[in-house]
Amino acid sequence: AVAGPRDDVADVLEVRVSRHTPGPWTVNASGLPWVERGDMNIADCDVGEAGEFERIANARLIAAAPDGLMFARYVRDRGSELLDSGRVSGEARSVLEAFVSDAESFVTKAEGES
């Protein structure tokens, strides 16, 4: 079986200390939508002129952020390992290099280091 992002969660958590509220985050759409973790409000999504569907979509995207960050870290770290191993070549190497670069950009942006 191929290892997936959840298989390496413990390794990622040991290496990186998160500066954000840990997930899972959920959407509470009773009334005006917001993102929460248990009883903690993470983000209010009643902003500007957005309609109800757009506010809920924004809340869902925000709620998915911790999983997205974990996945991007996995792609960056595991992809880098594969590239360094020399086991990937040709077009597959070019594609993997692009994935790793995009994942690194995502992580950098999410961690406020850009």
PDB file of N, CA and C in Angstrom:
ATOM      1  N   ALA A   1       0.840  -1.190   0.000  1.00  0.00           N
ATOM      2  CA  ALA A   1       0.000   0.000   0.000  1.00  0.00           C
ATOM      3  C   ALA A   1       0.877   1.243   0.000  1.00  0.00           C
ATOM      4  N   VAL A   2       0.381   2.274  -0.643  1.00  0.00           N
ATOM      5  CA  VAL A   2       1.086   3.545  -0.722  1.00  0.00           C
ATOM      6  C   VAL A   2       0.767   4.367   0.517  1.00  0.00           C
ATOM      7  N   ALA A   3       1.782   4.947   1.133  1.00  0.00           N
ATOM      8  CA  ALA A   3       1.569   5.801   2.311  1.00  0.00           C
ATOM      9  C   ALA A   3       0.881   7.086   1.878  1.00  0.00           C
ATOM     10  N   GLY A   4      -0.052   7.532   2.682  1.00  0.00           N
ATOM     11  CA  GLY A   4      -0.768   8.771   2.391  1.00  0.00           C
ATOM     12  C   GLY A   4      -0.446   9.837   3.409  1.00  0.00           C
ATOM     13  N   PRO A   5      -1.035  11.036   3.232  1.00  0.00           N
ATOM     14  CA  PRO A   5      -0.716  12.140   4.129  1.00  0.00           C
ATOM     15  C   PRO A   5      -1.039  11.853   5.587  1.00  0.00           C
ATOM     16  N   ARG A   6      -2.090  11.120   5.859  1.00  0.00           N
ATOM     17  CA  ARG A   6      -2.452  10.836   7.249  1.00  0.00           C
ATOM     18  C   ARG A   6      -1.461   9.869   7.901  1.00  0.00           C
ATOM     19  N   ASP A   7      -0.767   9.051   7.094  1.00  0.00           N
ATOM     20  CA  ASP A   7       0.213   8.120   7.639  1.00  0.00           C
ATOM     21  C   ASP A   7       1.417   8.847   8.233  1.00  0.00           C
ATOM     22  N   ASP A   8       1.697  10.031   7.735  1.00  0.00           N
ATOM     23  CA  ASP A   8       2.874  10.769   8.173  1.00  0.00           C
ATOM     24  C   ASP A   8       2.530  11.910   9.124  1.00  0.00           C
ATOM     25  N   VAL A   9       1.289  11.964   9.611  1.00  0.00           N
ATOM     26  CA  VAL A   9       0.864  13.069  10.473  1.00  0.00           C
ATOM     27  C   VAL A   9       1.745  13.176  11.708  1.00  0.00           C
ATOM     28  N   ALA A  10       2.039  12.078  12.348  1.00  0.00           N
ATOM     29  CA  ALA A  10       2.858  12.122  13.567  1.00  0.00           C
ATOM     30  C   ALA A  10       4.228  12.701  13.267  1.00  0.00           C
ATOM     31  N   ASP A  11       4.830  12.312  12.131  1.00  0.00           N
ATOM     32  CA  ASP A  11       6.143  12.847  11.758  1.00  0.00           C
ATOM     33  C   ASP A  11       6.065  14.347  11.520  1.00  0.00           C
ATOM     34  N   VAL A  12       5.036  14.796  10.822  1.00  0.00           N
ATOM     35  CA  VAL A  12       4.875  16.218  10.540  1.00  0.00           C
ATOM     36  C   VAL A  12       4.702  16.989  11.838  1.00  0.00           C
ATOM     37  N   LEU A  13       3.894  16.479  12.747  1.00  0.00           N
ATOM     38  CA  LEU A  13       3.632  17.189  13.994  1.00  0.00           C
ATOM     39  C   LEU A  13       4.874  17.248  14.872  1.00  0.00           C
ATOM     40  N   GLU A  14       5.720  16.235  14.820  1.00  0.00           N
ATOM     41  CA  GLU A  14       6.949  16.260  15.602  1.00  0.00           C
ATOM     42  C   GLU A  14       7.921  17.304  15.067  1.00  0.00           C
ATOM     43  N   VAL A  15       7.948  17.490  13.754  1.00  0.00           N
ATOM     44  CA  VAL A  15       8.907  18.382  13.129  1.00  0.00           C
ATOM     45  C   VAL A  15       8.447  19.836  13.181  1.00  0.00           C
ATOM     46  N   ARG A  16       7.163  20.080  13.071  1.00  0.00           N
ATOM     47  CA  ARG A  16       6.652  21.441  12.961  1.00  0.00           C
ATOM     48  C   ARG A  16       5.697  21.749  14.102  1.00  0.00           C
ATOM     49  N   VAL A  17       5.876  22.886  14.694  1.00  0.00           N
ATOM     50  CA  VAL A  17       4.951  23.356  15.708  1.00  0.00           C
ATOM     51  C   VAL A  17       4.029  24.353  15.028  1.00  0.00           C
ATOM     52  N   SER A  18       2.760  24.056  15.037  1.00  0.00           N
ATOM     53  CA  SER A  18       1.781  24.892  14.360  1.00  0.00           C
ATOM     54  C   SER A  18       1.518  26.165  15.142  1.00  0.00           C
ATOM     55  N   ARG A  19       1.372  27.272  14.413  1.00  0.00           N
ATOM     56  CA  ARG A  19       1.056  28.543  15.055  1.00  0.00           C
ATOM     57  C   ARG A  19      -0.423  28.880  14.924  1.00  0.00           C
ATOM     58  N   HIS A  20      -1.189  28.036  14.319  1.00  0.00           N
ATOM     59  CA  HIS A  20      -2.624  28.282  14.189  1.00  0.00           C
ATOM     60  C   HIS A  20      -3.377  27.343  15.129  1.00  0.00           C
ATOM     61  N   THR A  21      -4.655  27.646  15.337  1.00  0.00           N
ATOM     62  CA  THR A  21      -5.499  26.763  16.134  1.00  0.00           C
ATOM     63  C   THR A  21      -5.598  25.437  15.405  1.00  0.00           C
ATOM     64  N   PRO A  22      -5.283  24.335  16.059  1.00  0.00           N
ATOM     65  CA  PRO A  22      -5.327  23.049  15.375  1.00  0.00           C
ATOM     66  C   PRO A  22      -6.736  22.694  14.909  1.00  0.00           C
ATOM     67  N   GLY A  23      -6.819  21.925  13.836  1.00  0.00           N
ATOM     68  CA  GLY A  23      -8.098  21.443  13.351  1.00  0.00           C
ATOM     69  C   GLY A  23      -8.563  20.279  14.204  1.00  0.00           C
ATOM     70  N   PRO A  24      -9.691  19.705  13.901  1.00  0.00           N
ATOM     71  CA  PRO A  24     -10.519  20.064  12.754  1.00  0.00           C
ATOM     72  C   PRO A  24     -11.350  21.313  13.020  1.00  0.00           C
ATOM     73  N   TRP A  25     -11.545  22.070  11.951  1.00  0.00           N
ATOM     74  CA  TRP A  25     -12.422  23.227  12.000  1.00  0.00           C
ATOM     75  C   TRP A  25     -13.708  22.839  11.290  1.00  0.00           C
ATOM     76  N   THR A  26     -14.813  23.343  11.774  1.00  0.00           N
ATOM     77  CA  THR A  26     -16.110  23.030  11.161  1.00  0.00           C
ATOM     78  C   THR A  26     -16.868  24.323  10.864  1.00  0.00           C
ATOM     79  N   VAL A  27     -17.832  24.207   9.962  1.00  0.00           N
ATOM     80  CA  VAL A  27     -18.675  25.337   9.593  1.00  0.00           C
ATOM     81  C   VAL A  27     -19.951  25.270  10.414  1.00  0.00           C
ATOM     82  N   ASN A  28     -20.299  26.371  11.023  1.00  0.00           N
ATOM     83  CA  ASN A  28     -21.585  26.508  11.702  1.00  0.00           C
ATOM     84  C   ASN A  28     -22.397  27.481  10.859  1.00  0.00           C
ATOM     85  N   ALA A  29     -23.399  26.966  10.184  1.00  0.00           N
ATOM     86  CA  ALA A  29     -24.193  27.792   9.277  1.00  0.00           C
ATOM     87  C   ALA A  29     -25.565  28.104   9.852  1.00  0.00           C
ATOM     88  N   SER A  30     -25.711  27.984  11.165  1.00  0.00           N
ATOM     89  CA  SER A  30     -26.984  28.372  11.776  1.00  0.00           C
ATOM     90  C   SER A  30     -26.958  29.884  11.939  1.00  0.00           C
ATOM     91  N   GLY A  31     -27.790  30.550  11.177  1.00  0.00           N
ATOM     92  CA  GLY A  31     -27.728  32.011  11.144  1.00  0.00           C
ATOM     93  C   GLY A  31     -26.614  32.433  10.211  1.00  0.00           C
ATOM     94  N   LEU A  32     -25.808  33.394  10.629  1.00  0.00           N
ATOM     95  CA  LEU A  32     -24.677  33.833   9.818  1.00  0.00           C
ATOM     96  C   LEU A  32     -23.550  32.813   9.967  1.00  0.00           C
ATOM     97  N   PRO A  33     -22.916  32.412   8.841  1.00  0.00           N
ATOM     98  CA  PRO A  33     -21.920  31.342   8.925  1.00  0.00           C
ATOM     99  C   PRO A  33     -20.631  31.788   9.612  1.00  0.00           C
ATOM    100  N   TRP A  34     -20.053  30.859  10.360  1.00  0.00           N
ATOM    101  CA  TRP A  34     -18.731  31.071  10.933  1.00  0.00           C
ATOM    102  C   TRP A  34     -18.022  29.732  11.003  1.00  0.00           C
ATOM    103  N   VAL A  35     -16.719  29.790  11.209  1.00  0.00           N
ATOM    104  CA  VAL A  35     -15.894  28.594  11.331  1.00  0.00           C
ATOM    105  C   VAL A  35     -15.510  28.466  12.790  1.00  0.00           C
ATOM    106  N   GLU A  36     -15.590  27.251  13.297  1.00  0.00           N
ATOM    107  CA  GLU A  36     -15.333  27.049  14.719  1.00  0.00           C
ATOM    108  C   GLU A  36     -14.544  25.775  14.952  1.00  0.00           C
ATOM    109  N   ARG A  37     -13.967  25.714  16.131  1.00  0.00           N
ATOM    110  CA  ARG A  37     -13.369  24.486  16.648  1.00  0.00           C
ATOM    111  C   ARG A  37     -13.954  24.326  18.035  1.00  0.00           C
ATOM    112  N   GLY A  38     -14.868  23.398  18.160  1.00  0.00           N
ATOM    113  CA  GLY A  38     -15.573  23.255  19.432  1.00  0.00           C
ATOM    114  C   GLY A  38     -16.332  24.537  19.732  1.00  0.00           C
ATOM    115  N   ASP A  39     -16.061  25.123  20.882  1.00  0.00           N
ATOM    116  CA  ASP A  39     -16.724  26.365  21.279  1.00  0.00           C
ATOM    117  C   ASP A  39     -15.943  27.603  20.861  1.00  0.00           C
ATOM    118  N   MET A  40     -14.823  27.430  20.171  1.00  0.00           N
ATOM    119  CA  MET A  40     -13.976  28.559  19.786  1.00  0.00           C
ATOM    120  C   MET A  40     -14.310  29.044  18.387  1.00  0.00           C
ATOM    121  N   ASN A  41     -14.574  30.329  18.241  1.00  0.00           N
ATOM    122  CA  ASN A  41     -14.827  30.935  16.934  1.00  0.00           C
ATOM    123  C   ASN A  41     -13.492  31.173  16.251  1.00  0.00           C
ATOM    124  N   ILE A  42     -13.327  30.597  15.068  1.00  0.00           N
ATOM    125  CA  ILE A  42     -12.102  30.769  14.278  1.00  0.00           C
ATOM    126  C   ILE A  42     -12.241  31.946  13.333  1.00  0.00           C
ATOM    127  N   ALA A  43     -13.375  32.042  12.633  1.00  0.00           N
ATOM    128  CA  ALA A  43     -13.558  33.103  11.641  1.00  0.00           C
ATOM    129  C   ALA A  43     -15.037  33.362  11.409  1.00  0.00           C
ATOM    130  N   ASP A  44     -15.401  34.636  11.402  1.00  0.00           N
ATOM    131  CA  ASP A  44     -16.743  35.036  10.997  1.00  0.00           C
ATOM    132  C   ASP A  44     -16.750  35.214   9.488  1.00  0.00           C
ATOM    133  N   CYS A  45     -17.782  34.738   8.844  1.00  0.00           N
ATOM    134  CA  CYS A  45     -17.840  34.801   7.382  1.00  0.00           C
ATOM    135  C   CYS A  45     -18.975  35.686   6.899  1.00  0.00           C
ATOM    136  N   ASP A  46     -19.427  36.596   7.726  1.00  0.00           N
ATOM    137  CA  ASP A  46     -20.459  37.564   7.349  1.00  0.00           C
ATOM    138  C   ASP A  46     -19.761  38.881   7.033  1.00  0.00           C
ATOM    139  N   VAL A  47     -19.144  38.919   5.864  1.00  0.00           N
ATOM    140  CA  VAL A  47     -18.320  40.064   5.503  1.00  0.00           C
ATOM    141  C   VAL A  47     -18.763  40.637   4.171  1.00  0.00           C
ATOM    142  N   GLY A  48     -18.818  41.940   4.105  1.00  0.00           N
ATOM    143  CA  GLY A  48     -19.064  42.622   2.840  1.00  0.00           C
ATOM    144  C   GLY A  48     -20.429  42.335   2.251  1.00  0.00           C
ATOM    145  N   GLU A  49     -20.465  42.364   0.940  1.00  0.00           N
ATOM    146  CA  GLU A  49     -21.711  42.222   0.193  1.00  0.00           C
ATOM    147  C   GLU A  49     -21.984  40.783  -0.242  1.00  0.00           C
ATOM    148  N   ALA A  50     -21.217  39.831   0.234  1.00  0.00           N
ATOM    149  CA  ALA A  50     -21.378  38.441  -0.185  1.00  0.00           C
ATOM    150  C   ALA A  50     -22.756  37.924   0.197  1.00  0.00           C
ATOM    151  N   GLY A  51     -23.333  37.127  -0.697  1.00  0.00           N
ATOM    152  CA  GLY A  51     -24.612  36.498  -0.418  1.00  0.00           C
ATOM    153  C   GLY A  51     -24.432  35.279   0.470  1.00  0.00           C
ATOM    154  N   GLU A  52     -25.546  34.682   0.868  1.00  0.00           N
ATOM    155  CA  GLU A  52     -25.521  33.556   1.795  1.00  0.00           C
ATOM    156  C   GLU A  52     -24.695  32.383   1.265  1.00  0.00           C
ATOM    157  N   PHE A  53     -24.883  32.019  -0.009  1.00  0.00           N
ATOM    158  CA  PHE A  53     -24.161  30.872  -0.565  1.00  0.00           C
ATOM    159  C   PHE A  53     -22.662  31.140  -0.620  1.00  0.00           C
ATOM    160  N   GLU A  54     -22.282  32.372  -0.967  1.00  0.00           N
ATOM    161  CA  GLU A  54     -20.861  32.718  -1.022  1.00  0.00           C
ATOM    162  C   GLU A  54     -20.253  32.712   0.377  1.00  0.00           C
ATOM    163  N   ARG A  55     -20.979  33.206   1.373  1.00  0.00           N
ATOM    164  CA  ARG A  55     -20.478  33.203   2.750  1.00  0.00           C
ATOM    165  C   ARG A  55     -20.256  31.775   3.248  1.00  0.00           C
ATOM    166  N   ILE A  56     -21.199  30.894   2.946  1.00  0.00           N
ATOM    167  CA  ILE A  56     -21.054  29.494   3.361  1.00  0.00           C
ATOM    168  C   ILE A  56     -19.887  28.840   2.618  1.00  0.00           C
ATOM    169  N   ALA A  57     -19.745  29.131   1.327  1.00  0.00           N
ATOM    170  CA  ALA A  57     -18.614  28.588   0.560  1.00  0.00           C
ATOM    171  C   ALA A  57     -17.287  29.087   1.132  1.00  0.00           C
ATOM    172  N   ASN A  58     -17.233  30.358   1.501  1.00  0.00           N
ATOM    173  CA  ASN A  58     -16.013  30.898   2.116  1.00  0.00           C
ATOM    174  C   ASN A  58     -15.720  30.192   3.437  1.00  0.00           C
ATOM    175  N   ALA A  59     -16.761  29.966   4.227  1.00  0.00           N
ATOM    176  CA  ALA A  59     -16.584  29.283   5.509  1.00  0.00           C
ATOM    177  C   ALA A  59     -16.057  27.863   5.300  1.00  0.00           C
ATOM    178  N   ARG A  60     -16.582  27.164   4.300  1.00  0.00           N
ATOM    179  CA  ARG A  60     -16.107  25.805   4.012  1.00  0.00           C
ATOM    180  C   ARG A  60     -14.643  25.796   3.606  1.00  0.00           C
ATOM    181  N   LEU A  61     -14.255  26.774   2.782  1.00  0.00           N
ATOM    182  CA  LEU A  61     -12.865  26.867   2.354  1.00  0.00           C
ATOM    183  C   LEU A  61     -11.947  27.138   3.555  1.00  0.00           C
ATOM    184  N   ILE A  62     -12.342  28.038   4.422  1.00  0.00           N
ATOM    185  CA  ILE A  62     -11.545  28.336   5.617  1.00  0.00           C
ATOM    186  C   ILE A  62     -11.459  27.105   6.515  1.00  0.00           C
ATOM    187  N   ALA A  63     -12.575  26.410   6.694  1.00  0.00           N
ATOM    188  CA  ALA A  63     -12.589  25.223   7.556  1.00  0.00           C
ATOM    189  C   ALA A  63     -11.668  24.122   7.028  1.00  0.00           C
ATOM    190  N   ALA A  64     -11.450  24.077   5.717  1.00  0.00           N
ATOM    191  CA  ALA A  64     -10.586  23.061   5.117  1.00  0.00           C
ATOM    192  C   ALA A  64      -9.105  23.420   5.217  1.00  0.00           C
ATOM    193  N   ALA A  65      -8.784  24.621   5.659  1.00  0.00           N
ATOM    194  CA  ALA A  65      -7.399  25.091   5.661  1.00  0.00           C
ATOM    195  C   ALA A  65      -6.434  24.196   6.435  1.00  0.00           C
ATOM    196  N   PRO A  66      -6.748  23.735   7.651  1.00  0.00           N
ATOM    197  CA  PRO A  66      -5.772  22.877   8.344  1.00  0.00           C
ATOM    198  C   PRO A  66      -5.443  21.596   7.568  1.00  0.00           C
ATOM    199  N   ASP A  67      -6.455  20.983   6.942  1.00  0.00           N
ATOM    200  CA  ASP A  67      -6.205  19.787   6.137  1.00  0.00           C
ATOM    201  C   ASP A  67      -5.385  20.128   4.899  1.00  0.00           C
ATOM    202  N   GLY A  68      -5.675  21.274   4.290  1.00  0.00           N
ATOM    203  CA  GLY A  68      -4.907  21.702   3.120  1.00  0.00           C
ATOM    204  C   GLY A  68      -3.449  21.938   3.460  1.00  0.00           C
ATOM    205  N   LEU A  69      -3.201  22.555   4.608  1.00  0.00           N
ATOM    206  CA  LEU A  69      -1.828  22.801   5.034  1.00  0.00           C
ATOM    207  C   LEU A  69      -1.107  21.484   5.311  1.00  0.00           C
ATOM    208  N   MET A  70      -1.771  20.559   5.979  1.00  0.00           N
ATOM    209  CA  MET A  70      -1.157  19.260   6.261  1.00  0.00           C
ATOM    210  C   MET A  70      -0.826  18.536   4.944  1.00  0.00           C
ATOM    211  N   PHE A  71      -1.739  18.585   3.984  1.00  0.00           N
ATOM    212  CA  PHE A  71      -1.516  17.922   2.702  1.00  0.00           C
ATOM    213  C   PHE A  71      -0.363  18.581   1.944  1.00  0.00           C
ATOM    214  N   ALA A  72      -0.317  19.902   1.940  1.00  0.00           N
ATOM    215  CA  ALA A  72       0.762  20.598   1.240  1.00  0.00           C
ATOM    216  C   ALA A  72       2.117  20.279   1.863  1.00  0.00           C
ATOM    217  N   ARG A  73       2.167  20.209   3.178  1.00  0.00           N
ATOM    218  CA  ARG A  73       3.424  19.825   3.844  1.00  0.00           C
ATOM    219  C   ARG A  73       3.841  18.412   3.436  1.00  0.00           C
ATOM    220  N   TYR A  74       2.880  17.509   3.369  1.00  0.00           N
ATOM    221  CA  TYR A  74       3.170  16.133   2.975  1.00  0.00           C
ATOM    222  C   TYR A  74       3.709  16.084   1.546  1.00  0.00           C
ATOM    223  N   VAL A  75       3.036  16.759   0.620  1.00  0.00           N
ATOM    224  CA  VAL A  75       3.476  16.766  -0.779  1.00  0.00           C
ATOM    225  C   VAL A  75       4.878  17.354  -0.885  1.00  0.00           C
ATOM    226  N   ARG A  76       5.109  18.469  -0.183  1.00  0.00           N
ATOM    227  CA  ARG A  76       6.432  19.101  -0.212  1.00  0.00           C
ATOM    228  C   ARG A  76       7.507  18.156   0.337  1.00  0.00           C
ATOM    229  N   ASP A  77       7.249  17.589   1.513  1.00  0.00           N
ATOM    230  CA  ASP A  77       8.262  16.775   2.176  1.00  0.00           C
ATOM    231  C   ASP A  77       8.488  15.439   1.461  1.00  0.00           C
ATOM    232  N   ARG A  78       7.417  14.732   1.156  1.00  0.00           N
ATOM    233  CA  ARG A  78       7.548  13.424   0.498  1.00  0.00           C
ATOM    234  C   ARG A  78       8.033  13.588  -0.934  1.00  0.00           C
ATOM    235  N   GLY A  79       7.530  14.617  -1.617  1.00  0.00           N
ATOM    236  CA  GLY A  79       7.997  14.875  -2.983  1.00  0.00           C
ATOM    237  C   GLY A  79       9.473  15.199  -3.021  1.00  0.00           C
ATOM    238  N   SER A  80       9.939  15.999  -2.066  1.00  0.00           N
ATOM    239  CA  SER A  80      11.368  16.334  -1.989  1.00  0.00           C
ATOM    240  C   SER A  80      12.205  15.076  -1.750  1.00  0.00           C
ATOM    241  N   GLU A  81      11.723  14.193  -0.877  1.00  0.00           N
ATOM    242  CA  GLU A  81      12.436  12.938  -0.619  1.00  0.00           C
ATOM    243  C   GLU A  81      12.565  12.113  -1.905  1.00  0.00           C
ATOM    244  N   LEU A  82      11.465  12.027  -2.658  1.00  0.00           N
ATOM    245  CA  LEU A  82      11.499  11.256  -3.908  1.00  0.00           C
ATOM    246  C   LEU A  82      12.443  11.890  -4.915  1.00  0.00           C
ATOM    247  N   LEU A  83      12.411  13.223  -5.024  1.00  0.00           N
ATOM    248  CA  LEU A  83      13.316  13.900  -5.948  1.00  0.00           C
ATOM    249  C   LEU A  83      14.768  13.683  -5.553  1.00  0.00           C
ATOM    250  N   ASP A  84      15.044  13.785  -4.261  1.00  0.00           N
ATOM    251  CA  ASP A  84      16.417  13.588  -3.774  1.00  0.00           C
ATOM    252  C   ASP A  84      16.900  12.151  -3.951  1.00  0.00           C
ATOM    253  N   SER A  85      15.976  11.198  -3.987  1.00  0.00           N
ATOM    254  CA  SER A  85      16.357   9.782  -4.102  1.00  0.00           C
ATOM    255  C   SER A  85      16.863   9.421  -5.497  1.00  0.00           C
ATOM    256  N   GLY A  86      16.517  10.243  -6.482  1.00  0.00           N
ATOM    257  CA  GLY A  86      16.922   9.937  -7.849  1.00  0.00           C
ATOM    258  C   GLY A  86      16.068   8.882  -8.516  1.00  0.00           C
ATOM    259  N   ARG A  87      14.987   8.462  -7.867  1.00  0.00           N
ATOM    260  CA  ARG A  87      14.130   7.403  -8.425  1.00  0.00           C
ATOM    261  C   ARG A  87      13.086   7.934  -9.393  1.00  0.00           C
ATOM    262  N   VAL A  88      13.039   9.254  -9.577  1.00  0.00           N
ATOM    263  CA  VAL A  88      12.050   9.851 -10.462  1.00  0.00           C
ATOM    264  C   VAL A  88      12.795  10.593 -11.560  1.00  0.00           C
ATOM    265  N   SER A  89      12.390  10.355 -12.811  1.00  0.00           N
ATOM    266  CA  SER A  89      13.089  11.001 -13.920  1.00  0.00           C
ATOM    267  C   SER A  89      12.102  11.408 -15.005  1.00  0.00           C
ATOM    268  N   GLY A  90      12.603  12.115 -15.971  1.00  0.00           N
ATOM    269  CA  GLY A  90      11.819  12.495 -17.133  1.00  0.00           C
ATOM    270  C   GLY A  90      10.660  13.408 -16.800  1.00  0.00           C
ATOM    271  N   GLU A  91       9.554  13.184 -17.507  1.00  0.00           N
ATOM    272  CA  GLU A  91       8.376  14.023 -17.325  1.00  0.00           C
ATOM    273  C   GLU A  91       7.809  13.918 -15.911  1.00  0.00           C
ATOM    274  N   ALA A  92       7.862  12.723 -15.323  1.00  0.00           N
ATOM    275  CA  ALA A  92       7.367  12.539 -13.955  1.00  0.00           C
ATOM    276  C   ALA A  92       8.157  13.417 -12.986  1.00  0.00           C
ATOM    277  N   ARG A  93       9.454  13.552 -13.208  1.00  0.00           N
ATOM    278  CA  ARG A  93      10.273  14.414 -12.350  1.00  0.00           C
ATOM    279  C   ARG A  93       9.844  15.871 -12.494  1.00  0.00           C
ATOM    280  N   SER A  94       9.610  16.303 -13.716  1.00  0.00           N
ATOM    281  CA  SER A  94       9.187  17.685 -13.953  1.00  0.00           C
ATOM    282  C   SER A  94       7.851  17.980 -13.277  1.00  0.00           C
ATOM    283  N   VAL A  95       6.929  17.037 -13.384  1.00  0.00           N
ATOM    284  CA  VAL A  95       5.621  17.208 -12.745  1.00  0.00           C
ATOM    285  C   VAL A  95       5.769  17.245 -11.230  1.00  0.00           C
ATOM    286  N   LEU A  96       6.555  16.330 -10.681  1.00  0.00           N
ATOM    287  CA  LEU A  96       6.759  16.292  -9.234  1.00  0.00           C
ATOM    288  C   LEU A  96       7.455  17.560  -8.743  1.00  0.00           C
ATOM    289  N   GLU A  97       8.412  18.062  -9.489  1.00  0.00           N
ATOM    290  CA  GLU A  97       9.074  19.324  -9.116  1.00  0.00           C
ATOM    291  C   GLU A  97       8.066  20.470  -9.046  1.00  0.00           C
ATOM    292  N   ALA A  98       7.134  20.504  -9.990  1.00  0.00           N
ATOM    293  CA  ALA A  98       6.098  21.543  -9.980  1.00  0.00           C
ATOM    294  C   ALA A  98       5.185  21.381  -8.772  1.00  0.00           C
ATOM    295  N   PHE A  99       4.792  20.146  -8.456  1.00  0.00           N
ATOM    296  CA  PHE A  99       3.950  19.900  -7.279  1.00  0.00           C
ATOM    297  C   PHE A  99       4.654  20.345  -6.003  1.00  0.00           C
ATOM    298  N   VAL A 100       5.917  19.983  -5.878  1.00  0.00           N
ATOM    299  CA  VAL A 100       6.681  20.340  -4.684  1.00  0.00           C
ATOM    300  C   VAL A 100       6.811  21.855  -4.576  1.00  0.00           C
ATOM    301  N   SER A 101       7.077  22.514  -5.679  1.00  0.00           N
ATOM    302  CA  SER A 101       7.192  23.972  -5.679  1.00  0.00           C
ATOM    303  C   SER A 101       5.874  24.635  -5.274  1.00  0.00           C
ATOM    304  N   ASP A 102       4.765  24.161  -5.838  1.00  0.00           N
ATOM    305  CA  ASP A 102       3.452  24.715  -5.486  1.00  0.00           C
ATOM    306  C   ASP A 102       3.122  24.448  -4.021  1.00  0.00           C
ATOM    307  N   ALA A 103       3.442  23.258  -3.546  1.00  0.00           N
ATOM    308  CA  ALA A 103       3.186  22.925  -2.139  1.00  0.00           C
ATOM    309  C   ALA A 103       4.017  23.823  -1.225  1.00  0.00           C
ATOM    310  N   GLU A 104       5.264  24.038  -1.575  1.00  0.00           N
ATOM    311  CA  GLU A 104       6.128  24.931  -0.775  1.00  0.00           C
ATOM    312  C   GLU A 104       5.566  26.343  -0.753  1.00  0.00           C
ATOM    313  N   SER A 105       5.081  26.829  -1.885  1.00  0.00           N
ATOM    314  CA  SER A 105       4.480  28.164  -1.935  1.00  0.00           C
ATOM    315  C   SER A 105       3.249  28.248  -1.041  1.00  0.00           C
ATOM    316  N   PHE A 106       2.428  27.211  -1.067  1.00  0.00           N
ATOM    317  CA  PHE A 106       1.233  27.167  -0.222  1.00  0.00           C
ATOM    318  C   PHE A 106       1.611  27.204   1.259  1.00  0.00           C
ATOM    319  N   VAL A 107       2.576  26.371   1.652  1.00  0.00           N
ATOM    320  CA  VAL A 107       2.999  26.308   3.052  1.00  0.00           C
ATOM    321  C   VAL A 107       3.575  27.646   3.481  1.00  0.00           C
ATOM    322  N   THR A 108       4.418  28.233   2.647  1.00  0.00           N
ATOM    323  CA  THR A 108       5.017  29.520   2.974  1.00  0.00           C
ATOM    324  C   THR A 108       3.955  30.593   3.164  1.00  0.00           C
ATOM    325  N   LYS A 109       2.982  30.612   2.282  1.00  0.00           N
ATOM    326  CA  LYS A 109       1.891  31.593   2.398  1.00  0.00           C
ATOM    327  C   LYS A 109       1.066  31.342   3.654  1.00  0.00           C
ATOM    328  N   ALA A 110       0.735  30.086   3.909  1.00  0.00           N
ATOM    329  CA  ALA A 110      -0.092  29.749   5.079  1.00  0.00           C
ATOM    330  C   ALA A 110       0.625  30.035   6.394  1.00  0.00           C
ATOM    331  N   GLU A 111       1.933  29.892   6.402  1.00  0.00           N
ATOM    332  CA  GLU A 111       2.691  30.120   7.626  1.00  0.00           C
ATOM    333  C   GLU A 111       3.175  31.563   7.765  1.00  0.00           C
ATOM    334  N   GLY A 112       2.784  32.411   6.805  1.00  0.00           N
ATOM    335  CA  GLY A 112       3.099  33.835   6.885  1.00  0.00           C
ATOM    336  C   GLY A 112       4.546  34.164   6.665  1.00  0.00           C
ATOM    337  N   GLU A 113       5.219  33.349   5.884  1.00  0.00           N
ATOM    338  CA  GLU A 113       6.642  33.567   5.646  1.00  0.00           C
ATOM    339  C   GLU A 113       6.920  34.109   4.253  1.00  0.00           C
ATOM    340  N   SER A 114       5.868  34.489   3.520  1.00  0.00           N
ATOM    341  CA  SER A 114       6.095  34.973   2.156  1.00  0.00           C
ATOM    342  C   SER A 114       6.304  36.467   2.130  1.00  0.00           C
TER     343      SER A 114
END
